[in-house]
N, C-alpha and C. Protein backbone atom coordinates (compact mmCIF):
# COMPACT_ATOMS: atom_id res chain seq x y z
N MET A 1 32.95 -85.28 -25.94
CA MET A 1 34.00 -84.32 -25.75
C MET A 1 35.31 -85.04 -25.51
N GLN A 2 36.38 -84.48 -26.08
CA GLN A 2 37.71 -85.05 -25.92
C GLN A 2 38.65 -83.94 -25.48
N LEU A 3 39.58 -84.26 -24.58
CA LEU A 3 40.61 -83.31 -24.16
C LEU A 3 41.92 -83.66 -24.85
N THR A 4 42.58 -82.66 -25.37
CA THR A 4 43.89 -82.83 -25.98
C THR A 4 44.82 -81.76 -25.41
N GLY A 5 46.08 -81.86 -25.74
CA GLY A 5 47.03 -80.82 -25.41
C GLY A 5 47.16 -79.88 -26.60
N TYR A 6 48.34 -79.34 -26.74
CA TYR A 6 48.62 -78.45 -27.87
C TYR A 6 48.46 -79.20 -29.18
N TYR A 7 47.95 -78.51 -30.19
CA TYR A 7 47.99 -79.00 -31.56
C TYR A 7 48.09 -77.79 -32.47
N PRO A 8 48.63 -77.93 -33.67
CA PRO A 8 48.82 -76.78 -34.55
C PRO A 8 47.50 -76.03 -34.79
N GLY A 9 47.57 -74.73 -34.59
CA GLY A 9 46.41 -73.87 -34.79
C GLY A 9 45.62 -73.55 -33.54
N VAL A 10 45.85 -74.28 -32.45
CA VAL A 10 45.03 -74.08 -31.25
C VAL A 10 45.28 -72.73 -30.60
N ALA A 11 46.51 -72.21 -30.67
CA ALA A 11 46.77 -70.88 -30.10
C ALA A 11 45.91 -69.83 -30.80
N GLY A 12 45.77 -69.96 -32.10
CA GLY A 12 44.92 -69.04 -32.86
C GLY A 12 43.45 -69.18 -32.49
N LYS A 13 43.01 -70.42 -32.29
CA LYS A 13 41.61 -70.65 -31.91
C LYS A 13 41.30 -70.06 -30.53
N VAL A 14 42.21 -70.25 -29.57
CA VAL A 14 42.00 -69.71 -28.23
C VAL A 14 41.95 -68.18 -28.29
N THR A 15 42.87 -67.60 -29.04
CA THR A 15 42.91 -66.14 -29.18
C THR A 15 41.64 -65.63 -29.86
N GLU A 16 41.22 -66.29 -30.92
CA GLU A 16 40.02 -65.86 -31.66
C GLU A 16 38.77 -65.92 -30.79
N ILE A 17 38.56 -67.01 -30.08
CA ILE A 17 37.36 -67.14 -29.25
C ILE A 17 37.35 -66.06 -28.18
N HIS A 18 38.51 -65.82 -27.55
CA HIS A 18 38.59 -64.74 -26.56
C HIS A 18 38.25 -63.40 -27.20
N ALA A 19 38.91 -63.08 -28.31
CA ALA A 19 38.74 -61.77 -28.95
C ALA A 19 37.29 -61.53 -29.36
N VAL A 20 36.69 -62.48 -30.02
CA VAL A 20 35.32 -62.32 -30.51
C VAL A 20 34.33 -62.25 -29.35
N HIS A 21 34.43 -63.20 -28.43
CA HIS A 21 33.48 -63.25 -27.32
C HIS A 21 33.53 -61.98 -26.47
N TYR A 22 34.72 -61.56 -26.10
CA TYR A 22 34.82 -60.41 -25.21
C TYR A 22 34.58 -59.09 -25.92
N HIS A 23 34.78 -59.05 -27.22
CA HIS A 23 34.40 -57.85 -27.97
C HIS A 23 32.88 -57.76 -28.09
N GLU A 24 32.26 -58.85 -28.50
CA GLU A 24 30.80 -58.85 -28.70
C GLU A 24 30.03 -58.64 -27.40
N ASN A 25 30.52 -59.20 -26.29
CA ASN A 25 29.77 -59.15 -25.04
C ASN A 25 30.21 -58.06 -24.07
N TRP A 26 31.44 -57.58 -24.20
CA TRP A 26 31.97 -56.61 -23.24
C TRP A 26 32.60 -55.39 -23.88
N GLY A 27 32.68 -55.37 -25.21
CA GLY A 27 33.23 -54.21 -25.90
C GLY A 27 34.74 -54.09 -25.85
N PHE A 28 35.46 -55.17 -25.52
CA PHE A 28 36.91 -55.10 -25.43
C PHE A 28 37.49 -54.77 -26.80
N ASP A 29 38.56 -53.98 -26.80
CA ASP A 29 39.17 -53.53 -28.05
C ASP A 29 40.34 -54.43 -28.47
N ILE A 30 41.06 -53.99 -29.48
CA ILE A 30 42.15 -54.79 -30.04
C ILE A 30 43.27 -55.06 -29.03
N THR A 31 43.41 -54.21 -28.02
CA THR A 31 44.47 -54.45 -27.04
C THR A 31 44.25 -55.74 -26.28
N PHE A 32 43.00 -56.15 -26.13
CA PHE A 32 42.72 -57.43 -25.47
C PHE A 32 43.18 -58.59 -26.34
N GLU A 33 42.78 -58.58 -27.61
CA GLU A 33 43.18 -59.66 -28.51
C GLU A 33 44.69 -59.77 -28.63
N THR A 34 45.37 -58.64 -28.76
CA THR A 34 46.82 -58.69 -28.92
C THR A 34 47.49 -59.17 -27.64
N GLN A 35 46.95 -58.81 -26.49
CA GLN A 35 47.52 -59.29 -25.23
C GLN A 35 47.35 -60.80 -25.10
N VAL A 36 46.15 -61.30 -25.38
CA VAL A 36 45.92 -62.75 -25.32
C VAL A 36 46.86 -63.48 -26.26
N GLY A 37 46.93 -63.04 -27.51
CA GLY A 37 47.78 -63.72 -28.48
C GLY A 37 49.25 -63.69 -28.11
N ARG A 38 49.73 -62.53 -27.70
CA ARG A 38 51.15 -62.37 -27.33
C ARG A 38 51.50 -63.25 -26.12
N GLU A 39 50.69 -63.16 -25.06
CA GLU A 39 50.99 -63.91 -23.84
C GLU A 39 50.81 -65.42 -24.03
N LEU A 40 49.84 -65.82 -24.83
CA LEU A 40 49.64 -67.24 -25.09
C LEU A 40 50.81 -67.81 -25.89
N CYS A 41 51.28 -67.08 -26.88
CA CYS A 41 52.43 -67.54 -27.67
C CYS A 41 53.68 -67.62 -26.80
N GLU A 42 53.87 -66.65 -25.91
CA GLU A 42 55.00 -66.68 -24.98
C GLU A 42 54.90 -67.92 -24.08
N PHE A 43 53.70 -68.19 -23.59
CA PHE A 43 53.47 -69.37 -22.75
C PHE A 43 53.87 -70.65 -23.50
N PHE A 44 53.38 -70.80 -24.72
CA PHE A 44 53.69 -72.01 -25.49
C PHE A 44 55.19 -72.12 -25.78
N SER A 45 55.86 -71.00 -25.99
CA SER A 45 57.29 -71.05 -26.31
C SER A 45 58.13 -71.45 -25.10
N GLU A 46 57.58 -71.27 -23.88
CA GLU A 46 58.31 -71.60 -22.66
C GLU A 46 57.70 -72.80 -21.92
N LEU A 47 56.73 -73.47 -22.51
CA LEU A 47 56.02 -74.58 -21.88
C LEU A 47 56.97 -75.68 -21.41
N GLN A 48 56.82 -76.08 -20.15
CA GLN A 48 57.61 -77.18 -19.60
C GLN A 48 56.66 -78.22 -19.02
N ASP A 49 56.82 -79.45 -19.46
CA ASP A 49 56.02 -80.55 -18.93
C ASP A 49 56.22 -80.64 -17.41
N GLY A 50 55.13 -80.90 -16.71
CA GLY A 50 55.19 -81.04 -15.27
C GLY A 50 55.03 -79.73 -14.52
N ARG A 51 55.38 -78.62 -15.17
CA ARG A 51 55.25 -77.30 -14.56
C ARG A 51 54.04 -76.56 -15.11
N ASP A 52 53.84 -76.68 -16.42
CA ASP A 52 52.77 -75.98 -17.13
C ASP A 52 51.84 -77.00 -17.77
N GLY A 53 50.61 -76.59 -17.94
CA GLY A 53 49.66 -77.49 -18.59
C GLY A 53 48.73 -76.73 -19.51
N PHE A 54 48.30 -77.40 -20.56
CA PHE A 54 47.33 -76.82 -21.49
C PHE A 54 46.42 -77.93 -21.97
N TRP A 55 45.12 -77.65 -21.94
CA TRP A 55 44.13 -78.61 -22.42
C TRP A 55 43.12 -77.91 -23.30
N ALA A 56 42.86 -78.52 -24.44
CA ALA A 56 41.83 -78.04 -25.35
C ALA A 56 40.73 -79.09 -25.39
N ALA A 57 39.50 -78.62 -25.36
CA ALA A 57 38.35 -79.51 -25.48
C ALA A 57 37.85 -79.45 -26.92
N THR A 58 37.56 -80.61 -27.46
CA THR A 58 36.95 -80.66 -28.79
C THR A 58 35.67 -81.50 -28.72
N VAL A 59 34.75 -81.14 -29.56
CA VAL A 59 33.49 -81.89 -29.71
C VAL A 59 33.37 -82.22 -31.19
N ASP A 60 33.35 -83.51 -31.49
CA ASP A 60 33.31 -83.97 -32.88
C ASP A 60 34.39 -83.30 -33.72
N GLY A 61 35.59 -83.16 -33.13
CA GLY A 61 36.72 -82.59 -33.84
C GLY A 61 36.77 -81.07 -33.89
N GLU A 62 35.77 -80.41 -33.34
CA GLU A 62 35.71 -78.95 -33.37
C GLU A 62 36.15 -78.37 -32.03
N PHE A 63 36.98 -77.34 -32.08
CA PHE A 63 37.44 -76.67 -30.87
C PHE A 63 36.24 -76.18 -30.06
N ALA A 64 36.22 -76.53 -28.77
CA ALA A 64 35.10 -76.14 -27.91
C ALA A 64 35.53 -75.29 -26.72
N GLY A 65 36.79 -75.35 -26.33
CA GLY A 65 37.24 -74.57 -25.19
C GLY A 65 38.65 -74.95 -24.79
N ALA A 66 39.17 -74.21 -23.80
CA ALA A 66 40.55 -74.47 -23.37
C ALA A 66 40.78 -73.90 -21.98
N VAL A 67 41.87 -74.36 -21.39
CA VAL A 67 42.38 -73.83 -20.12
C VAL A 67 43.86 -74.13 -20.06
N ALA A 68 44.59 -73.27 -19.33
CA ALA A 68 46.02 -73.48 -19.17
C ALA A 68 46.41 -73.23 -17.72
N ILE A 69 47.48 -73.87 -17.32
CA ILE A 69 48.12 -73.60 -16.04
C ILE A 69 49.54 -73.13 -16.35
N ASP A 70 49.82 -71.93 -15.93
CA ASP A 70 51.13 -71.33 -16.09
C ASP A 70 51.84 -71.47 -14.75
N GLY A 71 52.84 -72.34 -14.70
CA GLY A 71 53.53 -72.63 -13.46
C GLY A 71 54.87 -71.93 -13.32
N ARG A 72 55.14 -70.92 -14.14
CA ARG A 72 56.44 -70.25 -14.09
C ARG A 72 56.71 -69.59 -12.74
N ASP A 73 55.67 -69.11 -12.07
CA ASP A 73 55.84 -68.54 -10.73
C ASP A 73 55.59 -69.66 -9.73
N ARG A 74 56.65 -70.13 -9.08
CA ARG A 74 56.51 -71.28 -8.17
C ARG A 74 55.73 -70.94 -6.91
N GLU A 75 55.54 -69.66 -6.61
CA GLU A 75 54.73 -69.27 -5.45
C GLU A 75 53.25 -69.59 -5.66
N ALA A 76 52.80 -69.42 -6.90
CA ALA A 76 51.39 -69.67 -7.21
C ALA A 76 51.25 -69.95 -8.70
N ALA A 77 50.71 -71.10 -9.03
CA ALA A 77 50.40 -71.39 -10.43
C ALA A 77 49.27 -70.47 -10.85
N ARG A 78 49.23 -70.14 -12.12
CA ARG A 78 48.19 -69.23 -12.60
C ARG A 78 47.31 -69.94 -13.61
N LEU A 79 46.02 -69.93 -13.35
CA LEU A 79 45.04 -70.47 -14.28
C LEU A 79 44.77 -69.39 -15.32
N ARG A 80 44.90 -69.75 -16.61
CA ARG A 80 44.79 -68.76 -17.67
C ARG A 80 44.01 -69.30 -18.87
N TRP A 81 43.51 -68.38 -19.66
CA TRP A 81 42.87 -68.64 -20.95
C TRP A 81 41.76 -69.68 -20.86
N PHE A 82 41.01 -69.60 -19.77
CA PHE A 82 39.88 -70.51 -19.56
C PHE A 82 38.69 -69.95 -20.33
N ILE A 83 38.24 -70.70 -21.30
CA ILE A 83 37.11 -70.25 -22.10
C ILE A 83 36.43 -71.46 -22.74
N VAL A 84 35.13 -71.36 -22.88
CA VAL A 84 34.35 -72.33 -23.64
C VAL A 84 33.60 -71.56 -24.71
N ASP A 85 33.71 -72.00 -25.93
CA ASP A 85 32.99 -71.36 -27.03
C ASP A 85 31.51 -71.33 -26.66
N PRO A 86 30.87 -70.16 -26.76
CA PRO A 86 29.46 -70.04 -26.35
C PRO A 86 28.53 -71.09 -26.97
N LYS A 87 28.82 -71.56 -28.16
CA LYS A 87 27.92 -72.58 -28.75
C LYS A 87 28.02 -73.92 -28.04
N PHE A 88 29.03 -74.07 -27.16
CA PHE A 88 29.17 -75.31 -26.40
C PHE A 88 28.88 -75.11 -24.91
N HIS A 89 28.32 -73.97 -24.55
CA HIS A 89 27.99 -73.73 -23.14
C HIS A 89 26.93 -74.72 -22.66
N ASN A 90 26.89 -74.90 -21.36
CA ASN A 90 25.89 -75.74 -20.68
C ASN A 90 26.00 -77.22 -21.05
N ARG A 91 27.20 -77.67 -21.34
CA ARG A 91 27.44 -79.09 -21.62
C ARG A 91 28.42 -79.70 -20.62
N GLY A 92 28.84 -78.91 -19.63
CA GLY A 92 29.77 -79.39 -18.64
C GLY A 92 31.23 -79.32 -19.05
N ILE A 93 31.51 -78.73 -20.20
CA ILE A 93 32.88 -78.66 -20.71
C ILE A 93 33.75 -77.80 -19.79
N GLY A 94 33.23 -76.67 -19.36
CA GLY A 94 33.99 -75.79 -18.47
C GLY A 94 34.36 -76.49 -17.18
N ALA A 95 33.42 -77.22 -16.61
CA ALA A 95 33.69 -77.93 -15.35
C ALA A 95 34.78 -78.98 -15.54
N VAL A 96 34.76 -79.69 -16.66
CA VAL A 96 35.78 -80.71 -16.94
C VAL A 96 37.15 -80.06 -17.11
N LEU A 97 37.21 -78.96 -17.87
CA LEU A 97 38.48 -78.27 -18.07
C LEU A 97 39.05 -77.76 -16.75
N LEU A 98 38.19 -77.15 -15.96
CA LEU A 98 38.65 -76.59 -14.68
C LEU A 98 39.12 -77.69 -13.73
N GLU A 99 38.40 -78.79 -13.68
CA GLU A 99 38.79 -79.92 -12.83
C GLU A 99 40.14 -80.47 -13.28
N LYS A 100 40.35 -80.58 -14.58
CA LYS A 100 41.62 -81.08 -15.11
C LYS A 100 42.77 -80.17 -14.70
N ALA A 101 42.57 -78.85 -14.78
CA ALA A 101 43.60 -77.89 -14.42
C ALA A 101 43.93 -77.96 -12.93
N VAL A 102 42.91 -78.03 -12.08
CA VAL A 102 43.14 -78.10 -10.63
C VAL A 102 43.84 -79.41 -10.28
N GLN A 103 43.42 -80.51 -10.87
CA GLN A 103 44.07 -81.80 -10.61
C GLN A 103 45.55 -81.76 -11.01
N PHE A 104 45.82 -81.14 -12.14
CA PHE A 104 47.21 -80.99 -12.58
C PHE A 104 48.03 -80.24 -11.53
N CYS A 105 47.47 -79.16 -10.99
CA CYS A 105 48.18 -78.37 -9.97
C CYS A 105 48.47 -79.19 -8.73
N LYS A 106 47.51 -80.01 -8.32
CA LYS A 106 47.72 -80.88 -7.16
C LYS A 106 48.86 -81.85 -7.44
N GLU A 107 48.84 -82.47 -8.60
CA GLU A 107 49.87 -83.45 -8.95
C GLU A 107 51.24 -82.80 -9.13
N ALA A 108 51.26 -81.53 -9.55
CA ALA A 108 52.52 -80.81 -9.75
C ALA A 108 53.09 -80.27 -8.44
N GLY A 109 52.32 -80.39 -7.36
CA GLY A 109 52.79 -79.94 -6.06
C GLY A 109 52.59 -78.46 -5.78
N ASN A 110 51.73 -77.82 -6.56
CA ASN A 110 51.43 -76.41 -6.31
C ASN A 110 50.63 -76.27 -5.02
N HIS A 111 50.93 -75.24 -4.26
CA HIS A 111 50.21 -74.99 -3.01
C HIS A 111 49.12 -73.94 -3.19
N LYS A 112 49.24 -73.15 -4.28
CA LYS A 112 48.25 -72.10 -4.52
C LYS A 112 48.07 -71.92 -6.02
N VAL A 113 46.82 -71.66 -6.41
CA VAL A 113 46.49 -71.34 -7.79
C VAL A 113 45.76 -70.00 -7.77
N VAL A 114 46.14 -69.11 -8.66
CA VAL A 114 45.47 -67.81 -8.77
C VAL A 114 44.90 -67.66 -10.17
N LEU A 115 43.88 -66.84 -10.26
CA LEU A 115 43.33 -66.47 -11.56
C LEU A 115 42.83 -65.05 -11.47
N PHE A 116 42.92 -64.36 -12.59
CA PHE A 116 42.43 -63.00 -12.70
C PHE A 116 41.29 -62.99 -13.69
N THR A 117 40.21 -62.31 -13.34
CA THR A 117 39.04 -62.22 -14.18
C THR A 117 38.40 -60.87 -13.91
N PHE A 118 37.15 -60.71 -14.28
CA PHE A 118 36.48 -59.46 -13.98
C PHE A 118 35.02 -59.72 -13.62
N GLU A 119 34.46 -58.77 -12.90
CA GLU A 119 33.08 -58.88 -12.42
C GLU A 119 32.11 -59.00 -13.60
N GLY A 120 31.16 -59.90 -13.45
CA GLY A 120 30.13 -60.08 -14.47
C GLY A 120 30.15 -61.44 -15.15
N LEU A 121 31.23 -62.17 -14.98
CA LEU A 121 31.31 -63.50 -15.58
C LEU A 121 30.79 -64.52 -14.58
N ASP A 122 29.50 -64.45 -14.32
CA ASP A 122 28.87 -65.20 -13.23
C ASP A 122 28.93 -66.71 -13.41
N GLN A 123 28.75 -67.18 -14.64
CA GLN A 123 28.79 -68.63 -14.87
C GLN A 123 30.18 -69.19 -14.57
N ALA A 124 31.21 -68.49 -15.00
CA ALA A 124 32.57 -68.94 -14.71
C ALA A 124 32.85 -68.83 -13.21
N ARG A 125 32.37 -67.76 -12.59
CA ARG A 125 32.61 -67.60 -11.16
C ARG A 125 32.01 -68.76 -10.37
N ARG A 126 30.83 -69.22 -10.76
CA ARG A 126 30.23 -70.36 -10.06
C ARG A 126 31.12 -71.60 -10.17
N LEU A 127 31.72 -71.80 -11.34
CA LEU A 127 32.63 -72.94 -11.52
C LEU A 127 33.87 -72.78 -10.64
N TYR A 128 34.42 -71.57 -10.60
CA TYR A 128 35.61 -71.33 -9.76
C TYR A 128 35.29 -71.62 -8.30
N GLU A 129 34.19 -71.08 -7.82
CA GLU A 129 33.83 -71.25 -6.41
C GLU A 129 33.52 -72.71 -6.08
N LYS A 130 32.93 -73.42 -7.02
CA LYS A 130 32.66 -74.84 -6.81
C LYS A 130 33.96 -75.63 -6.62
N GLN A 131 35.03 -75.18 -7.28
CA GLN A 131 36.35 -75.83 -7.14
C GLN A 131 37.07 -75.37 -5.88
N GLY A 132 36.53 -74.36 -5.19
CA GLY A 132 37.15 -73.88 -3.96
C GLY A 132 37.88 -72.55 -4.07
N PHE A 133 37.87 -71.93 -5.24
CA PHE A 133 38.49 -70.62 -5.40
C PHE A 133 37.71 -69.59 -4.58
N VAL A 134 38.46 -68.64 -4.00
CA VAL A 134 37.88 -67.59 -3.18
C VAL A 134 38.33 -66.24 -3.73
N LEU A 135 37.40 -65.30 -3.83
CA LEU A 135 37.71 -63.94 -4.26
C LEU A 135 38.57 -63.27 -3.19
N THR A 136 39.77 -62.79 -3.57
CA THR A 136 40.68 -62.19 -2.59
C THR A 136 40.95 -60.72 -2.84
N GLU A 137 40.75 -60.23 -4.05
CA GLU A 137 41.01 -58.83 -4.37
C GLU A 137 40.06 -58.37 -5.46
N GLU A 138 39.72 -57.08 -5.42
CA GLU A 138 38.91 -56.45 -6.46
C GLU A 138 39.35 -55.00 -6.61
N SER A 139 39.39 -54.52 -7.84
CA SER A 139 39.68 -53.11 -8.07
C SER A 139 39.18 -52.71 -9.45
N SER A 140 38.80 -51.46 -9.59
CA SER A 140 38.38 -50.93 -10.88
C SER A 140 39.60 -50.46 -11.64
N ILE A 141 39.70 -50.90 -12.89
CA ILE A 141 40.83 -50.50 -13.73
C ILE A 141 40.34 -50.18 -15.14
N ASP A 142 41.08 -49.33 -15.82
CA ASP A 142 40.82 -49.04 -17.22
C ASP A 142 41.70 -49.96 -18.04
N LYS A 143 41.06 -50.85 -18.80
CA LYS A 143 41.80 -51.85 -19.54
C LYS A 143 40.97 -52.30 -20.74
N TRP A 144 41.62 -52.52 -21.85
CA TRP A 144 40.99 -53.06 -23.05
C TRP A 144 39.85 -52.18 -23.57
N GLY A 145 40.00 -50.86 -23.37
CA GLY A 145 39.01 -49.91 -23.87
C GLY A 145 37.79 -49.77 -22.98
N GLN A 146 37.84 -50.33 -21.79
CA GLN A 146 36.70 -50.32 -20.86
C GLN A 146 37.19 -50.05 -19.44
N THR A 147 36.27 -49.71 -18.57
CA THR A 147 36.56 -49.73 -17.14
C THR A 147 35.93 -51.01 -16.62
N ILE A 148 36.76 -51.86 -16.04
CA ILE A 148 36.28 -53.15 -15.54
C ILE A 148 36.58 -53.27 -14.06
N ARG A 149 35.88 -54.15 -13.42
CA ARG A 149 36.13 -54.46 -12.01
C ARG A 149 36.92 -55.76 -12.00
N GLU A 150 38.26 -55.63 -11.96
CA GLU A 150 39.13 -56.80 -12.00
C GLU A 150 39.04 -57.55 -10.68
N GLN A 151 39.08 -58.88 -10.78
CA GLN A 151 38.98 -59.73 -9.60
C GLN A 151 40.11 -60.75 -9.61
N LYS A 152 40.63 -61.00 -8.43
CA LYS A 152 41.63 -62.05 -8.24
C LYS A 152 41.03 -63.13 -7.36
N PHE A 153 41.09 -64.36 -7.81
CA PHE A 153 40.62 -65.52 -7.05
C PHE A 153 41.83 -66.37 -6.71
N GLU A 154 41.79 -67.02 -5.55
CA GLU A 154 42.86 -67.91 -5.12
C GLU A 154 42.28 -69.23 -4.65
N LEU A 155 43.04 -70.27 -4.91
CA LEU A 155 42.72 -71.60 -4.43
C LEU A 155 43.94 -72.13 -3.69
N HIS A 156 43.78 -72.43 -2.41
CA HIS A 156 44.88 -72.99 -1.64
C HIS A 156 44.73 -74.51 -1.62
N LEU A 157 45.81 -75.19 -2.01
CA LEU A 157 45.81 -76.64 -2.09
C LEU A 157 46.57 -77.21 -0.90
N GLU A 158 46.20 -78.39 -0.51
CA GLU A 158 46.89 -79.07 0.59
C GLU A 158 48.33 -79.35 0.19
N PRO A 159 49.28 -79.11 1.12
CA PRO A 159 50.69 -79.38 0.79
C PRO A 159 50.96 -80.87 0.66
């Protein structure tokens, strides 16, 4: 496995993996795919070194997963677009991506990292909790053609 930053086409790959995976497994509709694509493109257009981070994992040159840190809100960096292609699950790729993102936040001087997810993603939740993230909020919302139990996790870093 190799970690890289942005490369041409990676925004499309991240959007596609999200759209397909969450449609097939959770029934999410087109509003999910369009939100991921729109917000990811906005993130890349405003990306600033030292504040924001993006890492893509590849295996033998093939996209395997990604994670980003959106540091635009100085109160709390936001972990976003964390996904591993299901065909690469159980290889430790998610743990490496998450560790890289948290380490970046520490080096950038962030005091808090937040992430939003939903109930049922147990494998990812175990990775979050292993890194020290704590569930701080939960609520049921209608989103992406479904009713989901949205969850907010926070990680407080040493100043």
